[in-house]
C-alpha cells in the first residue's frame, strides 16, 4: 500500500510543481488542465481515506484484544 501512497503523493506534488505548470501551459489545452488536476487530487483523497479506514480498523482490533 505504501507504493500506491508514494505514487499518489508523487503525482500530486508533480501536478503542483513548476515543471508541470510549464508543460501544461505549452502542451495541454486549458479544458484538460482542470480535469488532470482533479483526477490526481481524487486519487490522492481516495488513498488517504482508504489508509485512514485501515488505521481505524487496526485500532478497533487492538481494543478488542
N, C-alpha and C. Protein backbone atom coordinates (compact mmCIF):
# COMPACT_ATOMS: atom_id res chain seq x y z
N UNK A 1 0.83 -1.21 0.00
CA UNK A 1 0.00 0.00 0.00
C UNK A 1 0.87 1.26 0.00
N UNK A 2 2.07 1.14 0.55
CA UNK A 2 2.96 2.32 0.59
C UNK A 2 3.34 2.76 -0.81
N UNK A 3 3.40 1.80 -1.75
CA UNK A 3 3.75 2.15 -3.13
C UNK A 3 2.66 3.02 -3.75
N UNK A 4 1.40 2.67 -3.48
CA UNK A 4 0.28 3.46 -4.02
C UNK A 4 0.32 4.87 -3.43
N UNK A 5 0.60 4.94 -2.13
CA UNK A 5 0.68 6.25 -1.47
C UNK A 5 1.81 7.07 -2.09
N UNK A 6 2.94 6.42 -2.32
CA UNK A 6 4.10 7.10 -2.90
C UNK A 6 3.76 7.65 -4.28
N UNK A 7 3.08 6.83 -5.09
CA UNK A 7 2.70 7.26 -6.44
C UNK A 7 1.71 8.42 -6.37
N UNK A 8 0.74 8.33 -5.46
CA UNK A 8 -0.27 9.40 -5.33
C UNK A 8 0.38 10.70 -4.88
N UNK A 9 1.27 10.61 -3.90
CA UNK A 9 1.95 11.82 -3.41
C UNK A 9 2.85 12.39 -4.50
N UNK A 10 3.54 11.50 -5.21
CA UNK A 10 4.40 11.96 -6.30
C UNK A 10 3.60 12.65 -7.39
N UNK A 11 2.46 12.07 -7.75
CA UNK A 11 1.62 12.66 -8.79
C UNK A 11 1.06 14.00 -8.33
N UNK A 12 0.64 14.06 -7.08
CA UNK A 12 0.08 15.31 -6.56
C UNK A 12 1.15 16.40 -6.50
N UNK A 13 2.35 16.04 -6.06
CA UNK A 13 3.40 17.05 -5.98
C UNK A 13 3.86 17.45 -7.38
N UNK A 14 3.83 16.48 -8.32
CA UNK A 14 4.23 16.80 -9.69
C UNK A 14 3.24 17.77 -10.32
N UNK A 15 1.95 17.57 -10.06
CA UNK A 15 0.95 18.46 -10.66
C UNK A 15 1.08 19.86 -10.08
N UNK A 16 1.63 19.97 -8.88
CA UNK A 16 1.79 21.29 -8.28
C UNK A 16 3.14 21.92 -8.57
N UNK A 17 4.04 21.18 -9.23
CA UNK A 17 5.39 21.69 -9.44
C UNK A 17 5.47 22.63 -10.64
N UNK A 18 6.57 23.35 -10.69
CA UNK A 18 6.78 24.32 -11.77
C UNK A 18 6.85 23.63 -13.13
N UNK A 19 7.51 22.46 -13.18
CA UNK A 19 7.66 21.74 -14.44
C UNK A 19 6.33 21.38 -15.07
N UNK A 20 5.41 20.91 -14.25
CA UNK A 20 4.11 20.52 -14.79
C UNK A 20 3.32 21.74 -15.23
N UNK A 21 3.50 22.85 -14.52
CA UNK A 21 2.80 24.08 -14.91
C UNK A 21 3.27 24.51 -16.29
N UNK A 22 4.60 24.46 -16.51
CA UNK A 22 5.13 24.82 -17.82
C UNK A 22 4.65 23.84 -18.89
N UNK A 23 4.68 22.54 -18.55
CA UNK A 23 4.23 21.52 -19.50
C UNK A 23 2.77 21.75 -19.88
N UNK A 24 1.93 21.97 -18.88
CA UNK A 24 0.50 22.16 -19.14
C UNK A 24 0.26 23.47 -19.89
N UNK A 25 1.07 24.47 -19.59
CA UNK A 25 0.87 25.77 -20.23
C UNK A 25 1.11 25.67 -21.74
N UNK A 26 2.14 24.91 -22.11
CA UNK A 26 2.51 24.85 -23.52
C UNK A 26 1.87 23.71 -24.30
N UNK A 27 1.60 22.58 -23.64
CA UNK A 27 1.19 21.38 -24.39
C UNK A 27 -0.25 20.93 -24.12
N UNK A 28 -0.83 21.34 -23.00
CA UNK A 28 -2.16 20.83 -22.64
C UNK A 28 -3.18 21.95 -22.79
N UNK A 29 -4.27 21.70 -23.51
CA UNK A 29 -5.32 22.71 -23.64
C UNK A 29 -5.92 23.07 -22.28
N UNK A 30 -6.46 24.27 -22.18
CA UNK A 30 -6.97 24.77 -20.90
C UNK A 30 -8.02 23.85 -20.29
N UNK A 31 -8.92 23.32 -21.13
CA UNK A 31 -10.00 22.49 -20.60
C UNK A 31 -9.48 21.21 -19.96
N UNK A 32 -8.32 20.71 -20.44
CA UNK A 32 -7.78 19.46 -19.91
C UNK A 32 -7.06 19.67 -18.59
N UNK A 33 -6.54 20.87 -18.35
CA UNK A 33 -5.76 21.11 -17.13
C UNK A 33 -6.58 20.84 -15.88
N UNK A 34 -7.79 21.35 -15.86
CA UNK A 34 -8.65 21.14 -14.70
C UNK A 34 -8.96 19.68 -14.48
N UNK A 35 -9.21 18.94 -15.57
CA UNK A 35 -9.53 17.52 -15.45
C UNK A 35 -8.35 16.73 -14.91
N UNK A 36 -7.15 17.04 -15.39
CA UNK A 36 -5.95 16.32 -14.93
C UNK A 36 -5.71 16.58 -13.44
N UNK A 37 -5.80 17.83 -13.03
CA UNK A 37 -5.59 18.16 -11.61
C UNK A 37 -6.65 17.49 -10.74
N UNK A 38 -7.90 17.53 -11.20
CA UNK A 38 -8.99 16.91 -10.45
C UNK A 38 -8.77 15.41 -10.32
N UNK A 39 -8.29 14.78 -11.39
CA UNK A 39 -8.04 13.34 -11.39
C UNK A 39 -6.99 12.97 -10.34
N UNK A 40 -5.85 13.67 -10.34
CA UNK A 40 -4.80 13.37 -9.38
C UNK A 40 -5.25 13.66 -7.95
N UNK A 41 -5.98 14.75 -7.77
CA UNK A 41 -6.47 15.11 -6.44
C UNK A 41 -7.43 14.05 -5.93
N UNK A 42 -8.30 13.54 -6.80
CA UNK A 42 -9.26 12.50 -6.42
C UNK A 42 -8.53 11.23 -5.98
N UNK A 43 -7.52 10.81 -6.75
CA UNK A 43 -6.74 9.63 -6.38
C UNK A 43 -6.10 9.83 -5.01
N UNK A 44 -5.51 11.00 -4.81
CA UNK A 44 -4.83 11.30 -3.54
C UNK A 44 -5.81 11.22 -2.37
N UNK A 45 -7.01 11.79 -2.53
CA UNK A 45 -8.01 11.79 -1.46
C UNK A 45 -8.50 10.37 -1.18
N UNK A 46 -8.75 9.58 -2.24
CA UNK A 46 -9.21 8.20 -2.04
C UNK A 46 -8.18 7.36 -1.30
N UNK A 47 -6.90 7.53 -1.65
CA UNK A 47 -5.84 6.78 -0.97
C UNK A 47 -5.77 7.18 0.50
N UNK A 48 -5.88 8.48 0.76
CA UNK A 48 -5.84 8.96 2.15
C UNK A 48 -7.01 8.41 2.95
N UNK A 49 -8.21 8.41 2.38
CA UNK A 49 -9.38 7.89 3.09
C UNK A 49 -9.25 6.39 3.33
N UNK A 50 -8.73 5.66 2.35
CA UNK A 50 -8.55 4.21 2.49
C UNK A 50 -7.59 3.91 3.64
N UNK A 51 -6.47 4.63 3.67
CA UNK A 51 -5.49 4.39 4.74
C UNK A 51 -6.07 4.77 6.10
N UNK A 52 -6.87 5.82 6.15
CA UNK A 52 -7.48 6.25 7.40
C UNK A 52 -8.42 5.16 7.92
N UNK A 53 -9.22 4.56 7.01
CA UNK A 53 -10.12 3.48 7.41
C UNK A 53 -9.35 2.27 7.91
N UNK A 54 -8.25 1.94 7.22
CA UNK A 54 -7.43 0.80 7.65
C UNK A 54 -6.86 1.04 9.05
N UNK A 55 -6.46 2.26 9.31
CA UNK A 55 -5.90 2.62 10.62
C UNK A 55 -6.95 2.45 11.71
N UNK A 56 -8.18 2.89 11.44
CA UNK A 56 -9.27 2.76 12.41
C UNK A 56 -9.58 1.28 12.65
N UNK A 57 -9.58 0.47 11.58
CA UNK A 57 -9.84 -0.97 11.74
C UNK A 57 -8.78 -1.61 12.64
N UNK A 58 -7.52 -1.24 12.43
CA UNK A 58 -6.44 -1.80 13.25
C UNK A 58 -6.62 -1.42 14.72
N UNK A 59 -7.02 -0.17 14.97
CA UNK A 59 -7.22 0.28 16.35
C UNK A 59 -8.37 -0.48 17.00
N UNK A 60 -9.44 -0.75 16.25
CA UNK A 60 -10.57 -1.50 16.80
C UNK A 60 -10.16 -2.92 17.16
N UNK A 61 -9.35 -3.53 16.32
CA UNK A 61 -8.86 -4.89 16.59
C UNK A 61 -8.00 -4.89 17.84
N UNK A 62 -7.15 -3.89 17.98
CA UNK A 62 -6.29 -3.80 19.17
C UNK A 62 -7.11 -3.59 20.44
N UNK A 63 -8.19 -2.82 20.33
CA UNK A 63 -9.03 -2.58 21.51
C UNK A 63 -9.75 -3.85 21.94
N UNK A 64 -10.15 -4.68 20.98
CA UNK A 64 -10.85 -5.93 21.30
C UNK A 64 -9.93 -6.90 22.05
N UNK A 65 -8.65 -6.89 21.69
CA UNK A 65 -7.69 -7.79 22.36
C UNK A 65 -7.36 -7.21 23.70
